[in-house]
Amino acid sequence: ESWMDKRNIEGALCLVGAGVIGKIYCNWFRDRGGVAVDVGSVFDQWGGYVTRGPERAKDKRHENTL
């Protein structure tokens, strides 16, 4: 949290993917004037990782990644 106090983040966009604590990070960023979006497992999908559903596996990746 302290790094946010050292920067002017008013109006800045922050994409958050931090699991359970992601909501806390979003609140900290918002409280300082920034705009935070919790994209969660979307980061995994963008990277090609399968982390949801019956096909999920720790090291499983989609063949067609962005």
Protein backbone atom coordinates (compact mmCIF):
# COMPACT_ATOMS: atom_id res chain seq x y z
CA GLU A 1 0.00 0.00 0.00
CA SER A 2 2.84 2.43 0.77
CA TRP A 3 4.06 2.55 -2.86
CA MET A 4 0.72 4.12 -3.84
CA ASP A 5 1.34 7.02 -1.46
CA LYS A 6 4.63 7.82 -3.23
CA ARG A 7 3.07 8.30 -6.68
CA ASN A 8 0.38 10.46 -8.22
CA ILE A 9 -2.13 7.84 -9.32
CA GLU A 10 -5.16 10.09 -9.63
CA GLY A 11 -7.03 9.03 -12.78
CA ALA A 12 -4.61 6.17 -13.49
CA LEU A 13 -5.90 2.73 -14.50
CA CYS A 14 -4.74 -0.33 -12.56
CA LEU A 15 -5.57 -3.87 -13.65
CA VAL A 16 -5.60 -6.16 -10.61
CA GLY A 17 -5.34 -9.93 -10.54
CA ALA A 18 -4.48 -10.86 -6.98
CA GLY A 19 -7.00 -13.45 -5.90
CA VAL A 20 -8.69 -12.86 -2.56
CA ILE A 21 -6.77 -9.68 -1.79
CA GLY A 22 -7.53 -8.19 -5.21
CA LYS A 23 -10.58 -6.36 -3.82
CA ILE A 24 -8.42 -4.78 -1.13
CA TYR A 25 -5.90 -3.57 -3.73
CA CYS A 26 -8.75 -2.12 -5.81
CA ASN A 27 -10.06 -0.23 -2.78
CA TRP A 28 -6.63 1.18 -1.93
CA PHE A 29 -6.17 2.37 -5.50
CA ARG A 30 -9.67 3.88 -5.64
CA ASP A 31 -9.17 5.67 -2.32
CA ARG A 32 -6.19 7.47 -3.87
CA GLY A 33 -8.14 8.64 -6.92
CA GLY A 34 -7.24 5.87 -9.35
CA VAL A 35 -9.47 3.53 -11.30
CA ALA A 36 -8.93 -0.15 -10.53
CA VAL A 37 -10.44 -3.12 -12.33
CA ASP A 38 -10.18 -6.61 -10.85
CA VAL A 39 -9.72 -8.85 -13.90
CA GLY A 40 -8.82 -11.90 -11.82
CA SER A 41 -8.55 -15.08 -13.85
CA VAL A 42 -8.77 -13.13 -17.12
CA PHE A 43 -5.00 -12.60 -16.75
CA ASP A 44 -4.60 -16.39 -16.85
CA GLN A 45 -6.79 -16.65 -19.93
CA TRP A 46 -4.79 -13.93 -21.71
CA GLY A 47 -1.64 -15.92 -20.93
CA GLY A 48 -3.21 -19.11 -22.20
CA TYR A 49 -3.51 -20.87 -18.84
CA VAL A 50 -6.53 -23.03 -18.02
CA THR A 51 -7.46 -22.18 -14.41
CA ARG A 52 -11.25 -22.62 -14.47
CA GLY A 53 -13.62 -25.45 -15.35
CA PRO A 54 -13.13 -29.20 -15.79
CA GLU A 55 -10.08 -28.79 -18.05
CA ARG A 56 -8.06 -26.89 -15.44
CA ALA A 57 -4.67 -28.16 -14.41
CA LYS A 58 -1.72 -26.47 -12.79
CA ASP A 59 0.48 -26.47 -15.89
CA LYS A 60 -2.12 -26.84 -18.63
CA ARG A 61 -2.06 -24.19 -21.37
CA HIS A 62 -4.32 -23.45 -24.31
CA GLU A 63 -2.66 -24.02 -27.65
CA ASN A 64 -4.14 -20.83 -29.14
CA THR A 65 -3.07 -17.91 -26.97
CA LEU A 66 -3.40 -14.24 -27.76
